[in-house]
């Protein structure tokens, strides 16, 4: 499991948090044709999205997450 001790907003920030790590790994999986990188990226993305379910108010980085998901489509 991927764990970082930051605020939820920090974790889901586009470039500095788990969203950026996930995006990097998705691209790395395409470049390297690596199923392992793809699975890791997807796992990190799932954990990042799960953080949203723990908040009563959507953090400002929600739009960044939406952009990333749209970008990966």
N, C-alpha and C. Protein backbone atom coordinates (compact mmCIF):
# COMPACT_ATOMS: atom_id res chain seq x y z
N UNK A 1 0.84 -1.18 0.00
CA UNK A 1 0.00 0.00 0.00
C UNK A 1 0.89 1.24 0.00
N UNK A 2 0.48 2.24 -0.71
CA UNK A 2 1.23 3.48 -0.83
C UNK A 2 0.76 4.42 0.26
N UNK A 3 1.67 4.88 1.08
CA UNK A 3 1.25 5.80 2.13
C UNK A 3 2.25 6.94 2.26
N UNK A 4 1.71 8.13 2.43
CA UNK A 4 2.49 9.34 2.60
C UNK A 4 1.81 10.13 3.69
N UNK A 5 2.57 10.75 4.58
CA UNK A 5 1.98 11.51 5.67
C UNK A 5 1.92 12.98 5.29
N UNK A 6 0.90 13.34 4.55
CA UNK A 6 0.65 14.71 4.13
C UNK A 6 -0.84 14.98 4.29
N UNK A 7 -1.24 16.20 3.99
CA UNK A 7 -2.67 16.48 3.98
C UNK A 7 -3.27 15.88 2.72
N UNK A 8 -4.58 15.70 2.73
CA UNK A 8 -5.24 15.15 1.55
C UNK A 8 -5.01 16.04 0.34
N UNK A 9 -5.07 17.34 0.54
CA UNK A 9 -4.83 18.25 -0.58
C UNK A 9 -3.43 18.08 -1.14
N UNK A 10 -2.44 17.88 -0.28
CA UNK A 10 -1.08 17.65 -0.75
C UNK A 10 -0.98 16.33 -1.52
N UNK A 11 -1.65 15.31 -1.04
CA UNK A 11 -1.55 14.01 -1.67
C UNK A 11 -2.13 13.97 -3.06
N UNK A 12 -3.16 14.74 -3.29
CA UNK A 12 -3.82 14.68 -4.59
C UNK A 12 -3.45 15.85 -5.47
N UNK A 13 -2.49 16.64 -5.05
CA UNK A 13 -2.05 17.74 -5.92
C UNK A 13 -1.47 17.15 -7.19
N UNK A 14 -1.61 17.86 -8.27
CA UNK A 14 -1.30 17.29 -9.59
C UNK A 14 0.16 16.88 -9.75
N UNK A 15 1.09 17.77 -9.49
CA UNK A 15 2.49 17.45 -9.76
C UNK A 15 3.23 16.91 -8.55
N UNK A 16 2.86 17.34 -7.36
CA UNK A 16 3.64 16.99 -6.20
C UNK A 16 3.14 15.81 -5.41
N UNK A 17 2.03 15.24 -5.76
CA UNK A 17 1.47 14.19 -4.93
C UNK A 17 1.26 12.89 -5.66
N UNK A 18 0.37 12.10 -5.13
CA UNK A 18 0.14 10.77 -5.69
C UNK A 18 -0.46 10.81 -7.09
N UNK A 19 -1.21 11.86 -7.40
CA UNK A 19 -1.75 11.97 -8.76
C UNK A 19 -0.63 12.07 -9.78
N UNK A 20 0.37 12.89 -9.46
CA UNK A 20 1.52 13.04 -10.36
C UNK A 20 2.32 11.75 -10.48
N UNK A 21 2.48 11.04 -9.36
CA UNK A 21 3.19 9.77 -9.38
C UNK A 21 2.44 8.77 -10.25
N UNK A 22 1.13 8.73 -10.09
CA UNK A 22 0.31 7.83 -10.87
C UNK A 22 0.40 8.15 -12.36
N UNK A 23 0.29 9.43 -12.69
CA UNK A 23 0.38 9.85 -14.09
C UNK A 23 1.73 9.45 -14.68
N UNK A 24 2.81 9.69 -13.94
CA UNK A 24 4.14 9.30 -14.39
C UNK A 24 4.21 7.79 -14.66
N UNK A 25 3.68 6.99 -13.73
CA UNK A 25 3.74 5.54 -13.90
C UNK A 25 2.88 5.06 -15.06
N UNK A 26 1.75 5.73 -15.32
CA UNK A 26 0.95 5.36 -16.49
C UNK A 26 1.75 5.58 -17.77
N UNK A 27 2.43 6.73 -17.85
CA UNK A 27 3.27 6.98 -19.02
C UNK A 27 4.46 6.02 -19.08
N UNK A 28 5.08 5.73 -17.95
CA UNK A 28 6.19 4.79 -17.92
C UNK A 28 5.74 3.40 -18.38
N UNK A 29 4.53 3.01 -17.99
CA UNK A 29 4.03 1.69 -18.38
C UNK A 29 3.84 1.61 -19.90
N UNK A 30 3.44 2.71 -20.51
CA UNK A 30 3.30 2.72 -21.97
C UNK A 30 4.67 2.69 -22.64
N UNK A 31 5.59 3.48 -22.12
CA UNK A 31 6.93 3.57 -22.70
C UNK A 31 7.67 2.23 -22.58
N UNK A 32 7.58 1.61 -21.41
CA UNK A 32 8.29 0.36 -21.13
C UNK A 32 7.48 -0.88 -21.44
N UNK A 33 6.21 -0.68 -21.84
CA UNK A 33 5.29 -1.80 -22.04
C UNK A 33 5.28 -2.70 -20.81
N UNK A 34 5.12 -2.05 -19.65
CA UNK A 34 5.23 -2.74 -18.36
C UNK A 34 3.86 -2.84 -17.67
N UNK A 35 3.40 -4.05 -17.54
CA UNK A 35 2.15 -4.27 -16.82
C UNK A 35 2.31 -3.96 -15.33
N UNK A 36 3.51 -4.20 -14.81
CA UNK A 36 3.79 -3.91 -13.40
C UNK A 36 3.63 -2.42 -13.11
N UNK A 37 4.20 -1.56 -13.97
CA UNK A 37 4.06 -0.11 -13.79
C UNK A 37 2.60 0.32 -13.91
N UNK A 38 1.88 -0.28 -14.88
CA UNK A 38 0.47 0.05 -15.06
C UNK A 38 -0.33 -0.31 -13.81
N UNK A 39 -0.11 -1.50 -13.29
CA UNK A 39 -0.85 -1.94 -12.10
C UNK A 39 -0.53 -1.07 -10.89
N UNK A 40 0.73 -0.68 -10.76
CA UNK A 40 1.12 0.20 -9.64
C UNK A 40 0.47 1.57 -9.79
N UNK A 41 0.47 2.10 -11.01
CA UNK A 41 -0.17 3.40 -11.26
C UNK A 41 -1.66 3.34 -10.92
N UNK A 42 -2.31 2.26 -11.33
CA UNK A 42 -3.73 2.12 -11.07
C UNK A 42 -4.00 2.00 -9.58
N UNK A 43 -3.16 1.25 -8.88
CA UNK A 43 -3.30 1.09 -7.43
C UNK A 43 -3.16 2.43 -6.71
N UNK A 44 -2.15 3.21 -7.09
CA UNK A 44 -1.95 4.52 -6.48
C UNK A 44 -3.13 5.43 -6.79
N UNK A 45 -3.63 5.38 -8.02
CA UNK A 45 -4.79 6.19 -8.40
C UNK A 45 -6.01 5.82 -7.57
N UNK A 46 -6.24 4.53 -7.37
CA UNK A 46 -7.37 4.09 -6.53
C UNK A 46 -7.24 4.62 -5.11
N UNK A 47 -6.05 4.55 -4.55
CA UNK A 47 -5.84 5.04 -3.18
C UNK A 47 -6.06 6.55 -3.10
N UNK A 48 -5.64 7.27 -4.14
CA UNK A 48 -5.83 8.71 -4.17
C UNK A 48 -7.32 9.06 -4.23
N UNK A 49 -8.04 8.38 -5.07
CA UNK A 49 -9.49 8.62 -5.19
C UNK A 49 -10.19 8.26 -3.87
N UNK A 50 -9.72 7.22 -3.20
CA UNK A 50 -10.32 6.82 -1.93
C UNK A 50 -10.18 7.91 -0.88
N UNK A 51 -9.13 8.72 -0.98
CA UNK A 51 -8.96 9.82 -0.03
C UNK A 51 -10.12 10.81 -0.12
N UNK A 52 -10.66 10.99 -1.32
CA UNK A 52 -11.78 11.92 -1.48
C UNK A 52 -13.01 11.47 -0.69
N UNK A 53 -13.20 10.16 -0.59
CA UNK A 53 -14.37 9.66 0.13
C UNK A 53 -14.28 9.91 1.63
N UNK A 54 -13.08 10.28 2.11
CA UNK A 54 -12.89 10.53 3.53
C UNK A 54 -13.10 11.99 3.91
N UNK A 55 -13.40 12.83 2.94
CA UNK A 55 -13.57 14.25 3.22
C UNK A 55 -15.03 14.66 3.07
N UNK A 56 -15.44 15.59 3.90
CA UNK A 56 -16.80 16.09 3.82
C UNK A 56 -16.94 17.15 2.73
N UNK A 57 -15.84 17.84 2.45
CA UNK A 57 -15.84 18.89 1.44
C UNK A 57 -14.77 18.54 0.41
N UNK A 58 -15.11 18.71 -0.86
CA UNK A 58 -14.16 18.40 -1.92
C UNK A 58 -12.96 19.35 -1.85
N UNK A 59 -11.75 18.81 -1.83
CA UNK A 59 -10.57 19.67 -1.79
C UNK A 59 -10.39 20.40 -3.12
N UNK A 60 -9.65 21.50 -3.12
CA UNK A 60 -9.43 22.27 -4.35
C UNK A 60 -8.78 21.46 -5.46
N UNK A 61 -8.05 20.43 -5.12
CA UNK A 61 -7.35 19.65 -6.13
C UNK A 61 -8.26 18.66 -6.86
N UNK A 62 -9.54 18.66 -6.55
CA UNK A 62 -10.48 17.76 -7.24
C UNK A 62 -10.49 18.03 -8.74
N UNK A 63 -10.41 19.28 -9.14
CA UNK A 63 -10.37 19.61 -10.57
C UNK A 63 -9.12 19.04 -11.24
N UNK A 64 -8.01 19.05 -10.52
CA UNK A 64 -6.78 18.48 -11.06
C UNK A 64 -6.94 16.98 -11.30
N UNK A 65 -7.59 16.31 -10.36
CA UNK A 65 -7.83 14.88 -10.50
C UNK A 65 -8.73 14.62 -11.71
N UNK A 66 -9.76 15.44 -11.86
CA UNK A 66 -10.65 15.30 -13.01
C UNK A 66 -9.91 15.49 -14.32
N UNK A 67 -9.01 16.47 -14.36
CA UNK A 67 -8.23 16.70 -15.57
C UNK A 67 -7.38 15.48 -15.87
N UNK A 68 -6.74 14.92 -14.85
CA UNK A 68 -5.86 13.78 -15.06
C UNK A 68 -6.64 12.58 -15.58
N UNK A 69 -7.80 12.31 -15.00
CA UNK A 69 -8.60 11.17 -15.46
C UNK A 69 -9.06 11.37 -16.89
N UNK A 70 -9.44 12.60 -17.23
CA UNK A 70 -9.84 12.90 -18.60
C UNK A 70 -8.65 12.75 -19.55
N UNK A 71 -7.48 13.19 -19.11
CA UNK A 71 -6.27 13.11 -19.91
C UNK A 71 -5.89 11.65 -20.20
N UNK A 72 -6.08 10.79 -19.23
CA UNK A 72 -5.71 9.38 -19.39
C UNK A 72 -6.70 8.61 -20.25
N UNK A 73 -7.87 9.15 -20.43
CA UNK A 73 -8.90 8.45 -21.20
C UNK A 73 -8.49 8.27 -22.62
